[in-house]
């Protein structure tokens, strides 16, 4: 699995961006789409599952806070953009998502990241990528355990200080100073 210090792979994927109408439902998203921004890219195993929508909603609830930090959130799985669209239309918590859902149907990005499981679906993995395309945070949980979007935001805050941050540090608190 790629980890902290590795370059995030180049990608170009179809994404579901809206459920308004088919003319505006899909877009092509690449690593160049958000040049100069931080990225929070989180993968989940499958659409139409149980833990995944709770996480997606959790990231959606914090999307404005990520945006305030110049960070674009991207969700992704190995499902197609059409399955993403159907799931968003079907699940009330996913209808108004403020970020794209990447469709890694060829599994190229998941494979390059090293997050494909034995069944060929993406693991529950999260990456914070700096504006230079370098992974600064990598986080994977078991498929049965949802991740904590608030913790991902806390880590983003810490990374953006370029300082030493102690355990449980929160934005606005003092950082550590080397004597």
N, C-alpha and C. Protein backbone atom coordinates (compact mmCIF):
# COMPACT_ATOMS: atom_id res chain seq x y z
N UNK A 1 0.84 -1.18 0.00
CA UNK A 1 0.00 0.00 0.00
C UNK A 1 0.88 1.24 0.00
N UNK A 2 0.50 2.23 -0.82
CA UNK A 2 1.22 3.50 -0.77
C UNK A 2 0.95 4.17 0.57
N UNK A 3 1.93 4.93 1.03
CA UNK A 3 1.80 5.52 2.35
C UNK A 3 2.45 6.90 2.39
N UNK A 4 2.60 7.43 3.57
CA UNK A 4 3.12 8.77 3.78
C UNK A 4 4.47 8.93 3.07
N UNK A 5 4.57 10.02 2.30
CA UNK A 5 5.79 10.31 1.56
C UNK A 5 5.75 9.86 0.11
N UNK A 6 4.84 8.93 -0.22
CA UNK A 6 4.71 8.46 -1.60
C UNK A 6 3.91 9.46 -2.42
N UNK A 7 4.15 9.48 -3.70
CA UNK A 7 3.38 10.31 -4.63
C UNK A 7 2.04 9.63 -4.88
N UNK A 8 0.96 10.40 -4.79
CA UNK A 8 -0.35 9.86 -5.11
C UNK A 8 -0.39 9.61 -6.62
N UNK A 9 -0.88 8.45 -7.06
CA UNK A 9 -0.87 8.12 -8.49
C UNK A 9 -1.70 9.09 -9.33
N UNK A 10 -1.26 9.28 -10.57
CA UNK A 10 -2.06 10.04 -11.53
C UNK A 10 -3.31 9.23 -11.84
N UNK A 11 -4.43 9.92 -12.01
CA UNK A 11 -5.68 9.24 -12.32
C UNK A 11 -6.57 10.13 -13.18
N UNK A 12 -7.48 9.51 -13.90
CA UNK A 12 -8.52 10.19 -14.65
C UNK A 12 -9.72 9.24 -14.63
N UNK A 13 -10.76 9.62 -13.87
CA UNK A 13 -11.90 8.73 -13.67
C UNK A 13 -13.22 9.47 -13.89
N UNK A 14 -14.23 8.71 -14.30
CA UNK A 14 -15.59 9.24 -14.32
C UNK A 14 -16.04 9.38 -12.87
N UNK A 15 -16.85 10.39 -12.63
CA UNK A 15 -17.36 10.61 -11.28
C UNK A 15 -18.82 11.03 -11.35
N UNK A 16 -19.56 10.64 -10.36
CA UNK A 16 -20.93 11.11 -10.21
C UNK A 16 -20.86 12.40 -9.39
N UNK A 17 -21.41 13.48 -9.95
CA UNK A 17 -21.31 14.78 -9.30
C UNK A 17 -22.67 15.39 -8.97
N UNK A 18 -23.75 14.80 -9.49
CA UNK A 18 -25.07 15.37 -9.28
C UNK A 18 -26.12 14.30 -9.58
N UNK A 19 -27.31 14.49 -9.05
CA UNK A 19 -28.41 13.60 -9.43
C UNK A 19 -29.51 14.39 -10.14
N UNK A 20 -29.22 15.65 -10.47
CA UNK A 20 -30.22 16.54 -11.09
C UNK A 20 -30.76 15.98 -12.39
N UNK A 21 -29.88 15.77 -13.36
CA UNK A 21 -30.28 15.17 -14.63
C UNK A 21 -29.05 14.51 -15.24
N UNK A 22 -29.28 13.62 -16.21
CA UNK A 22 -28.16 12.88 -16.78
C UNK A 22 -27.14 13.76 -17.48
N UNK A 23 -27.56 14.90 -18.00
CA UNK A 23 -26.61 15.80 -18.67
C UNK A 23 -25.58 16.38 -17.71
N UNK A 24 -25.94 16.49 -16.44
CA UNK A 24 -25.04 17.09 -15.44
C UNK A 24 -24.61 16.11 -14.36
N UNK A 25 -24.97 14.84 -14.50
CA UNK A 25 -24.72 13.86 -13.45
C UNK A 25 -23.26 13.43 -13.35
N UNK A 26 -22.54 13.47 -14.48
CA UNK A 26 -21.20 12.89 -14.50
C UNK A 26 -20.16 13.90 -14.97
N UNK A 27 -18.95 13.71 -14.48
CA UNK A 27 -17.82 14.54 -14.90
C UNK A 27 -16.57 13.67 -14.89
N UNK A 28 -15.57 14.09 -15.63
CA UNK A 28 -14.29 13.41 -15.57
C UNK A 28 -13.42 14.17 -14.57
N UNK A 29 -12.86 13.44 -13.63
CA UNK A 29 -12.04 14.03 -12.57
C UNK A 29 -10.64 13.41 -12.68
N UNK A 30 -9.64 14.26 -12.58
CA UNK A 30 -8.26 13.75 -12.60
C UNK A 30 -7.49 14.40 -11.45
N UNK A 31 -6.27 13.94 -11.28
CA UNK A 31 -5.43 14.55 -10.25
C UNK A 31 -5.11 16.00 -10.58
N UNK A 32 -5.32 16.42 -11.83
CA UNK A 32 -5.11 17.82 -12.22
C UNK A 32 -6.35 18.69 -12.01
N UNK A 33 -7.48 18.08 -11.70
CA UNK A 33 -8.74 18.84 -11.55
C UNK A 33 -8.68 19.83 -10.39
N UNK A 34 -7.87 19.54 -9.41
CA UNK A 34 -7.81 20.39 -8.21
C UNK A 34 -6.37 20.79 -7.93
N UNK A 35 -5.64 21.11 -8.98
CA UNK A 35 -4.23 21.49 -8.85
C UNK A 35 -4.05 22.59 -7.80
N UNK A 36 -3.04 22.43 -6.96
CA UNK A 36 -2.74 23.44 -5.95
C UNK A 36 -3.55 23.30 -4.68
N UNK A 37 -4.46 22.33 -4.62
CA UNK A 37 -5.28 22.11 -3.42
C UNK A 37 -4.83 20.85 -2.70
N UNK A 38 -5.17 20.78 -1.45
CA UNK A 38 -5.08 19.53 -0.71
C UNK A 38 -6.22 18.64 -1.21
N UNK A 39 -6.03 17.32 -1.14
CA UNK A 39 -7.08 16.36 -1.45
C UNK A 39 -7.30 15.45 -0.26
N UNK A 40 -8.55 15.18 0.03
CA UNK A 40 -8.93 14.11 0.95
C UNK A 40 -9.64 13.09 0.08
N UNK A 41 -8.96 11.98 -0.20
CA UNK A 41 -9.52 10.95 -1.06
C UNK A 41 -9.84 9.75 -0.18
N UNK A 42 -11.12 9.42 -0.10
CA UNK A 42 -11.48 8.26 0.72
C UNK A 42 -12.22 7.23 -0.13
N UNK A 43 -11.80 5.99 0.03
CA UNK A 43 -12.39 4.86 -0.69
C UNK A 43 -13.23 4.04 0.28
N UNK A 44 -14.27 3.46 -0.26
CA UNK A 44 -15.14 2.59 0.52
C UNK A 44 -15.40 1.34 -0.32
N UNK A 45 -15.79 0.22 0.31
CA UNK A 45 -15.91 -1.04 -0.43
C UNK A 45 -16.97 -1.06 -1.54
N UNK A 46 -18.21 -0.78 -1.21
CA UNK A 46 -19.26 -0.96 -2.21
C UNK A 46 -20.44 -0.03 -1.96
N UNK A 47 -21.11 0.34 -3.04
CA UNK A 47 -22.38 1.04 -2.95
C UNK A 47 -23.45 0.07 -2.45
N UNK A 48 -24.55 0.62 -1.96
CA UNK A 48 -25.68 -0.16 -1.45
C UNK A 48 -25.26 -1.09 -0.31
N UNK A 49 -24.43 -0.55 0.59
CA UNK A 49 -24.00 -1.29 1.77
C UNK A 49 -24.42 -0.51 3.02
N UNK A 50 -23.93 -0.88 4.17
CA UNK A 50 -24.46 -0.35 5.42
C UNK A 50 -23.55 0.65 6.13
N UNK A 51 -22.26 0.35 6.27
CA UNK A 51 -21.33 1.24 6.94
C UNK A 51 -20.98 2.42 6.04
N UNK A 52 -20.80 2.14 4.75
CA UNK A 52 -20.33 3.16 3.79
C UNK A 52 -21.16 4.45 3.79
N UNK A 53 -22.49 4.38 3.75
CA UNK A 53 -23.23 5.65 3.70
C UNK A 53 -23.06 6.49 4.97
N UNK A 54 -22.80 5.84 6.10
CA UNK A 54 -22.59 6.63 7.32
C UNK A 54 -21.30 7.44 7.22
N UNK A 55 -20.28 6.85 6.62
CA UNK A 55 -19.01 7.56 6.44
C UNK A 55 -19.15 8.67 5.40
N UNK A 56 -19.80 8.35 4.28
CA UNK A 56 -19.96 9.34 3.22
C UNK A 56 -20.72 10.55 3.75
N UNK A 57 -21.78 10.30 4.51
CA UNK A 57 -22.53 11.40 5.12
C UNK A 57 -21.65 12.16 6.11
N UNK A 58 -20.83 11.44 6.86
CA UNK A 58 -19.92 12.09 7.81
C UNK A 58 -18.97 13.05 7.12
N UNK A 59 -18.41 12.64 5.99
CA UNK A 59 -17.53 13.54 5.23
C UNK A 59 -18.34 14.69 4.63
N UNK A 60 -19.55 14.40 4.15
CA UNK A 60 -20.40 15.45 3.57
C UNK A 60 -20.72 16.51 4.62
N UNK A 61 -21.00 16.08 5.85
CA UNK A 61 -21.32 17.02 6.93
C UNK A 61 -20.15 17.97 7.23
N UNK A 62 -18.93 17.52 6.96
CA UNK A 62 -17.73 18.32 7.23
C UNK A 62 -17.14 18.96 5.98
N UNK A 63 -17.81 18.79 4.83
CA UNK A 63 -17.26 19.25 3.57
C UNK A 63 -16.89 20.74 3.59
N UNK A 64 -17.75 21.58 4.14
CA UNK A 64 -17.46 23.02 4.18
C UNK A 64 -16.19 23.30 4.99
N UNK A 65 -15.97 22.53 6.04
CA UNK A 65 -14.75 22.72 6.84
C UNK A 65 -13.51 22.29 6.07
N UNK A 66 -13.62 21.20 5.30
CA UNK A 66 -12.50 20.80 4.44
C UNK A 66 -12.25 21.90 3.41
N UNK A 67 -13.32 22.40 2.79
CA UNK A 67 -13.18 23.46 1.77
C UNK A 67 -12.54 24.71 2.36
N UNK A 68 -12.88 25.05 3.61
CA UNK A 68 -12.27 26.21 4.28
C UNK A 68 -10.76 26.05 4.40
N UNK A 69 -10.29 24.82 4.36
CA UNK A 69 -8.86 24.53 4.48
C UNK A 69 -8.23 24.26 3.10
N UNK A 70 -8.94 24.66 2.05
CA UNK A 70 -8.48 24.49 0.68
C UNK A 70 -8.24 23.01 0.36
N UNK A 71 -9.15 22.17 0.81
CA UNK A 71 -9.05 20.72 0.61
C UNK A 71 -10.29 20.21 -0.09
N UNK A 72 -10.11 19.54 -1.21
CA UNK A 72 -11.20 18.94 -1.96
C UNK A 72 -11.41 17.50 -1.50
N UNK A 73 -12.62 17.16 -1.13
CA UNK A 73 -12.96 15.80 -0.73
C UNK A 73 -13.41 15.03 -1.97
N UNK A 74 -12.92 13.80 -2.10
CA UNK A 74 -13.31 12.90 -3.18
C UNK A 74 -13.60 11.53 -2.57
N UNK A 75 -14.78 10.98 -2.86
CA UNK A 75 -15.12 9.62 -2.45
C UNK A 75 -14.85 8.71 -3.63
N UNK A 76 -14.58 7.44 -3.37
CA UNK A 76 -14.36 6.52 -4.47
C UNK A 76 -14.60 5.08 -4.09
N UNK A 77 -15.01 4.31 -5.10
CA UNK A 77 -15.13 2.86 -4.96
C UNK A 77 -14.92 2.25 -6.33
N UNK A 78 -15.00 0.94 -6.40
CA UNK A 78 -14.84 0.25 -7.68
C UNK A 78 -16.17 0.08 -8.40
N UNK A 79 -17.23 0.67 -7.87
CA UNK A 79 -18.53 0.67 -8.54
C UNK A 79 -18.52 1.69 -9.68
N UNK A 80 -19.43 1.54 -10.62
CA UNK A 80 -19.52 2.46 -11.75
C UNK A 80 -20.22 3.76 -11.36
N UNK A 81 -20.05 4.76 -12.20
CA UNK A 81 -20.73 6.04 -11.99
C UNK A 81 -22.25 5.87 -12.02
N UNK A 82 -22.73 4.89 -12.77
CA UNK A 82 -24.18 4.65 -12.86
C UNK A 82 -24.71 4.03 -11.56
N UNK A 83 -23.92 3.15 -10.96
CA UNK A 83 -24.30 2.58 -9.66
C UNK A 83 -24.26 3.68 -8.60
N UNK A 84 -23.23 4.53 -8.65
CA UNK A 84 -23.18 5.68 -7.72
C UNK A 84 -24.45 6.52 -7.85
N UNK A 85 -24.84 6.81 -9.08
CA UNK A 85 -26.03 7.64 -9.32
C UNK A 85 -27.27 6.97 -8.76
N UNK A 86 -27.44 5.69 -9.02
CA UNK A 86 -28.61 4.96 -8.51
C UNK A 86 -28.63 4.97 -6.99
N UNK A 87 -27.47 4.77 -6.36
CA UNK A 87 -27.40 4.75 -4.90
C UNK A 87 -27.72 6.12 -4.32
N UNK A 88 -27.17 7.16 -4.93
CA UNK A 88 -27.47 8.51 -4.45
C UNK A 88 -28.95 8.83 -4.56
N UNK A 89 -29.59 8.40 -5.64
CA UNK A 89 -31.03 8.64 -5.79
C UNK A 89 -31.83 7.83 -4.77
N UNK A 90 -31.34 6.66 -4.43
CA UNK A 90 -32.05 5.75 -3.54
C UNK A 90 -31.88 6.09 -2.05
N UNK A 91 -30.72 6.59 -1.66
CA UNK A 91 -30.40 6.79 -0.24
C UNK A 91 -30.52 8.27 0.13
N UNK A 92 -31.42 8.58 1.02
CA UNK A 92 -31.72 9.99 1.37
C UNK A 92 -30.49 10.76 1.85
N UNK A 93 -29.55 10.12 2.54
CA UNK A 93 -28.37 10.81 3.06
C UNK A 93 -27.34 11.12 1.97
N UNK A 94 -27.52 10.56 0.78
CA UNK A 94 -26.52 10.72 -0.28
C UNK A 94 -27.00 11.61 -1.43
N UNK A 95 -28.22 12.06 -1.38
CA UNK A 95 -28.79 12.80 -2.52
C UNK A 95 -28.08 14.11 -2.81
N UNK A 96 -27.67 14.83 -1.78
CA UNK A 96 -27.09 16.16 -1.97
C UNK A 96 -25.60 16.21 -1.64
N UNK A 97 -24.87 15.19 -2.01
CA UNK A 97 -23.45 15.18 -1.68
C UNK A 97 -22.73 16.36 -2.32
N UNK A 98 -21.86 17.01 -1.57
CA UNK A 98 -21.15 18.18 -2.10
C UNK A 98 -19.82 17.85 -2.77
N UNK A 99 -19.51 16.57 -2.93
CA UNK A 99 -18.24 16.18 -3.54
C UNK A 99 -18.46 15.03 -4.53
N UNK A 100 -17.53 14.87 -5.49
CA UNK A 100 -17.65 13.81 -6.48
C UNK A 100 -17.46 12.41 -5.89
N UNK A 101 -18.10 11.44 -6.52
CA UNK A 101 -17.91 10.03 -6.20
C UNK A 101 -17.19 9.40 -7.40
N UNK A 102 -15.92 9.06 -7.21
CA UNK A 102 -15.11 8.49 -8.28
C UNK A 102 -15.50 7.05 -8.56
N UNK A 103 -15.51 6.69 -9.83
CA UNK A 103 -15.84 5.33 -10.27
C UNK A 103 -14.57 4.67 -10.80
N UNK A 104 -13.92 3.90 -9.96
CA UNK A 104 -12.67 3.23 -10.32
C UNK A 104 -12.99 1.82 -10.83
N UNK A 105 -13.80 1.75 -11.88
CA UNK A 105 -14.32 0.45 -12.34
C UNK A 105 -13.22 -0.46 -12.91
N UNK A 106 -12.16 0.11 -13.47
CA UNK A 106 -11.05 -0.73 -13.94
C UNK A 106 -10.09 -1.08 -12.81
N UNK A 107 -10.31 -0.47 -11.66
CA UNK A 107 -9.54 -0.74 -10.43
C UNK A 107 -8.08 -0.31 -10.53
N UNK A 108 -7.77 0.53 -11.51
CA UNK A 108 -6.38 0.96 -11.69
C UNK A 108 -5.87 1.79 -10.51
N UNK A 109 -6.66 2.78 -10.09
CA UNK A 109 -6.22 3.63 -8.98
C UNK A 109 -6.15 2.83 -7.69
N UNK A 110 -7.16 2.03 -7.41
CA UNK A 110 -7.16 1.20 -6.19
C UNK A 110 -5.97 0.25 -6.19
N UNK A 111 -5.67 -0.32 -7.34
CA UNK A 111 -4.53 -1.24 -7.46
C UNK A 111 -3.22 -0.49 -7.23
N UNK A 112 -3.06 0.69 -7.86
CA UNK A 112 -1.82 1.46 -7.68
C UNK A 112 -1.63 1.90 -6.23
N UNK A 113 -2.74 2.20 -5.57
CA UNK A 113 -2.66 2.60 -4.16
C UNK A 113 -2.40 1.41 -3.25
N UNK A 114 -2.66 0.19 -3.76
CA UNK A 114 -2.47 -1.02 -2.95
C UNK A 114 -3.61 -1.28 -1.99
N UNK A 115 -4.82 -0.85 -2.36
CA UNK A 115 -5.95 -0.99 -1.44
C UNK A 115 -7.04 -1.93 -1.95
N UNK A 116 -6.75 -2.76 -2.95
CA UNK A 116 -7.73 -3.75 -3.39
C UNK A 116 -7.69 -4.95 -2.46
N UNK A 117 -8.85 -5.41 -2.03
CA UNK A 117 -8.87 -6.59 -1.18
C UNK A 117 -8.91 -7.85 -2.05
N UNK A 118 -8.98 -9.02 -1.41
CA UNK A 118 -8.96 -10.29 -2.13
C UNK A 118 -10.15 -10.45 -3.07
N UNK A 119 -11.27 -9.76 -2.77
CA UNK A 119 -12.46 -9.83 -3.62
C UNK A 119 -12.40 -8.83 -4.78
N UNK A 120 -11.38 -7.99 -4.82
CA UNK A 120 -11.25 -7.01 -5.88
C UNK A 120 -12.04 -5.73 -5.66
N UNK A 121 -12.37 -5.43 -4.41
CA UNK A 121 -13.02 -4.15 -4.08
C UNK A 121 -12.07 -3.33 -3.22
N UNK A 122 -12.28 -2.03 -3.21
CA UNK A 122 -11.41 -1.13 -2.46
C UNK A 122 -11.59 -1.33 -0.96
N UNK A 123 -10.49 -1.27 -0.24
CA UNK A 123 -10.55 -1.27 1.22
C UNK A 123 -11.05 0.09 1.69
N UNK A 124 -11.41 0.16 2.94
CA UNK A 124 -11.87 1.39 3.57
C UNK A 124 -10.64 2.24 3.90
N UNK A 125 -10.17 3.00 2.90
CA UNK A 125 -8.89 3.72 3.00
C UNK A 125 -9.09 5.21 2.78
N UNK A 126 -8.29 6.00 3.49
CA UNK A 126 -8.34 7.46 3.38
C UNK A 126 -6.93 7.99 3.19
N UNK A 127 -6.80 8.96 2.29
CA UNK A 127 -5.51 9.60 2.02
C UNK A 127 -5.68 11.11 2.05
N UNK A 128 -4.78 11.79 2.75
CA UNK A 128 -4.64 13.24 2.64
C UNK A 128 -3.43 13.48 1.77
N UNK A 129 -3.64 14.25 0.71
CA UNK A 129 -2.60 14.49 -0.29
C UNK A 129 -2.34 16.00 -0.34
N UNK A 130 -1.07 16.39 -0.22
CA UNK A 130 -0.75 17.81 -0.20
C UNK A 130 -0.80 18.40 -1.62
N UNK A 131 -0.71 19.72 -1.75
CA UNK A 131 -0.82 20.34 -3.08
C UNK A 131 0.27 19.91 -4.06
N UNK A 132 1.34 19.30 -3.59
CA UNK A 132 2.39 18.79 -4.47
C UNK A 132 2.14 17.35 -4.89
N UNK A 133 1.02 16.77 -4.44
CA UNK A 133 0.67 15.41 -4.81
C UNK A 133 1.29 14.32 -3.95
N UNK A 134 1.80 14.70 -2.78
CA UNK A 134 2.45 13.75 -1.88
C UNK A 134 1.46 13.32 -0.79
N UNK A 135 1.39 12.03 -0.55
CA UNK A 135 0.53 11.50 0.51
C UNK A 135 1.13 11.90 1.85
N UNK A 136 0.33 12.58 2.68
CA UNK A 136 0.79 13.03 3.99
C UNK A 136 0.11 12.28 5.13
N UNK A 137 -0.95 11.51 4.79
CA UNK A 137 -1.71 10.76 5.79
C UNK A 137 -2.37 9.60 5.07
N UNK A 138 -2.26 8.40 5.63
CA UNK A 138 -2.92 7.21 5.08
C UNK A 138 -3.55 6.46 6.23
N UNK A 139 -4.79 6.02 6.04
CA UNK A 139 -5.59 5.48 7.13
C UNK A 139 -6.48 4.40 6.54
N UNK A 140 -6.39 3.18 7.05
CA UNK A 140 -7.21 2.07 6.56
C UNK A 140 -7.82 1.37 7.76
N UNK A 141 -9.11 1.09 7.67
CA UNK A 141 -9.78 0.34 8.72
C UNK A 141 -10.34 -0.95 8.15
N UNK A 142 -10.65 -1.87 9.02
CA UNK A 142 -11.32 -3.10 8.62
C UNK A 142 -12.65 -2.75 7.97
N UNK A 143 -13.10 -3.58 7.06
CA UNK A 143 -14.35 -3.32 6.36
C UNK A 143 -15.56 -3.16 7.25
N UNK A 144 -15.51 -3.71 8.45
CA UNK A 144 -16.66 -3.63 9.35
C UNK A 144 -16.64 -2.39 10.25
N UNK A 145 -15.56 -1.59 10.17
CA UNK A 145 -15.39 -0.46 11.08
C UNK A 145 -15.34 0.84 10.29
N UNK A 146 -16.30 1.73 10.57
CA UNK A 146 -16.32 3.03 9.91
C UNK A 146 -15.23 3.93 10.46
N UNK A 147 -14.75 4.79 9.59
CA UNK A 147 -13.70 5.73 9.99
C UNK A 147 -14.31 6.99 10.59
N UNK A 148 -13.46 7.87 11.10
CA UNK A 148 -13.87 9.09 11.78
C UNK A 148 -13.47 10.31 10.94
N UNK A 149 -14.39 10.88 10.15
CA UNK A 149 -14.06 12.05 9.33
C UNK A 149 -13.54 13.23 10.15
N UNK A 150 -14.01 13.39 11.38
CA UNK A 150 -13.53 14.48 12.24
C UNK A 150 -12.04 14.32 12.53
N UNK A 151 -11.58 13.08 12.69
CA UNK A 151 -10.16 12.83 12.93
C UNK A 151 -9.35 13.16 11.68
N UNK A 152 -9.88 12.86 10.50
CA UNK A 152 -9.18 13.20 9.26
C UNK A 152 -9.04 14.72 9.15
N UNK A 153 -10.08 15.44 9.50
CA UNK A 153 -10.03 16.91 9.48
C UNK A 153 -9.01 17.42 10.50
N UNK A 154 -8.96 16.81 11.68
CA UNK A 154 -8.00 17.20 12.72
C UNK A 154 -6.57 17.01 12.21
N UNK A 155 -6.32 15.89 11.55
CA UNK A 155 -4.99 15.63 11.02
C UNK A 155 -4.65 16.63 9.91
N UNK A 156 -5.61 16.95 9.07
CA UNK A 156 -5.38 17.97 8.04
C UNK A 156 -4.97 19.30 8.69
N UNK A 157 -5.69 19.69 9.72
CA UNK A 157 -5.34 20.91 10.44
C UNK A 157 -3.90 20.86 10.95
N UNK A 158 -3.54 19.73 11.53
CA UNK A 158 -2.18 19.58 12.07
C UNK A 158 -1.14 19.64 10.96
N UNK A 159 -1.39 18.94 9.86
CA UNK A 159 -0.44 18.96 8.74
C UNK A 159 -0.27 20.38 8.19
N UNK A 160 -1.33 21.13 8.14
CA UNK A 160 -1.25 22.47 7.57
C UNK A 160 -0.54 23.47 8.47
N UNK A 161 -0.26 23.11 9.72
CA UNK A 161 0.52 24.01 10.58
C UNK A 161 2.00 23.98 10.24
N UNK A 162 2.46 22.87 9.66
CA UNK A 162 3.90 22.64 9.42
C UNK A 162 4.68 22.72 10.73
N UNK A 163 4.02 22.38 11.82
CA UNK A 163 4.64 22.40 13.15
C UNK A 163 4.53 21.01 13.77
N UNK A 164 5.15 20.82 14.92
CA UNK A 164 5.00 19.59 15.69
C UNK A 164 3.71 19.69 16.50
N UNK A 165 2.82 18.72 16.33
CA UNK A 165 1.52 18.75 17.02
C UNK A 165 1.41 17.55 17.95
N UNK A 166 1.12 17.78 19.23
CA UNK A 166 1.03 16.68 20.18
C UNK A 166 -0.23 15.84 19.98
N UNK A 167 -0.27 14.75 20.70
CA UNK A 167 -1.43 13.86 20.70
C UNK A 167 -2.71 14.64 20.99
N UNK A 168 -3.73 14.37 20.23
CA UNK A 168 -5.05 14.99 20.40
C UNK A 168 -5.06 16.50 20.18
N UNK A 169 -4.03 17.03 19.53
CA UNK A 169 -3.97 18.45 19.23
C UNK A 169 -5.20 18.86 18.42
N UNK A 170 -5.72 20.04 18.70
CA UNK A 170 -6.86 20.60 17.97
C UNK A 170 -6.48 21.96 17.41
N UNK A 171 -7.10 22.33 16.29
CA UNK A 171 -6.83 23.61 15.65
C UNK A 171 -7.00 24.73 16.68
N UNK A 172 -6.02 25.65 16.68
CA UNK A 172 -6.04 26.78 17.61
C UNK A 172 -5.22 26.55 18.85
N UNK A 173 -4.87 25.31 19.16
CA UNK A 173 -4.04 25.02 20.32
C UNK A 173 -2.58 25.25 19.98
N UNK A 174 -1.78 25.38 21.03
CA UNK A 174 -0.34 25.59 20.84
C UNK A 174 0.29 24.34 20.25
N UNK A 175 1.28 24.56 19.39
CA UNK A 175 2.06 23.45 18.87
C UNK A 175 3.31 23.32 19.74
N UNK A 176 4.06 22.25 19.50
CA UNK A 176 5.26 22.01 20.30
C UNK A 176 6.43 22.79 19.72
N UNK A 177 7.25 23.32 20.59
CA UNK A 177 8.44 24.06 20.18
C UNK A 177 9.67 23.31 20.65
N UNK A 178 10.64 23.15 19.76
CA UNK A 178 11.89 22.49 20.12
C UNK A 178 12.75 23.51 20.85
N UNK A 179 13.25 23.09 22.02
CA UNK A 179 14.07 24.01 22.84
C UNK A 179 15.45 24.18 22.29
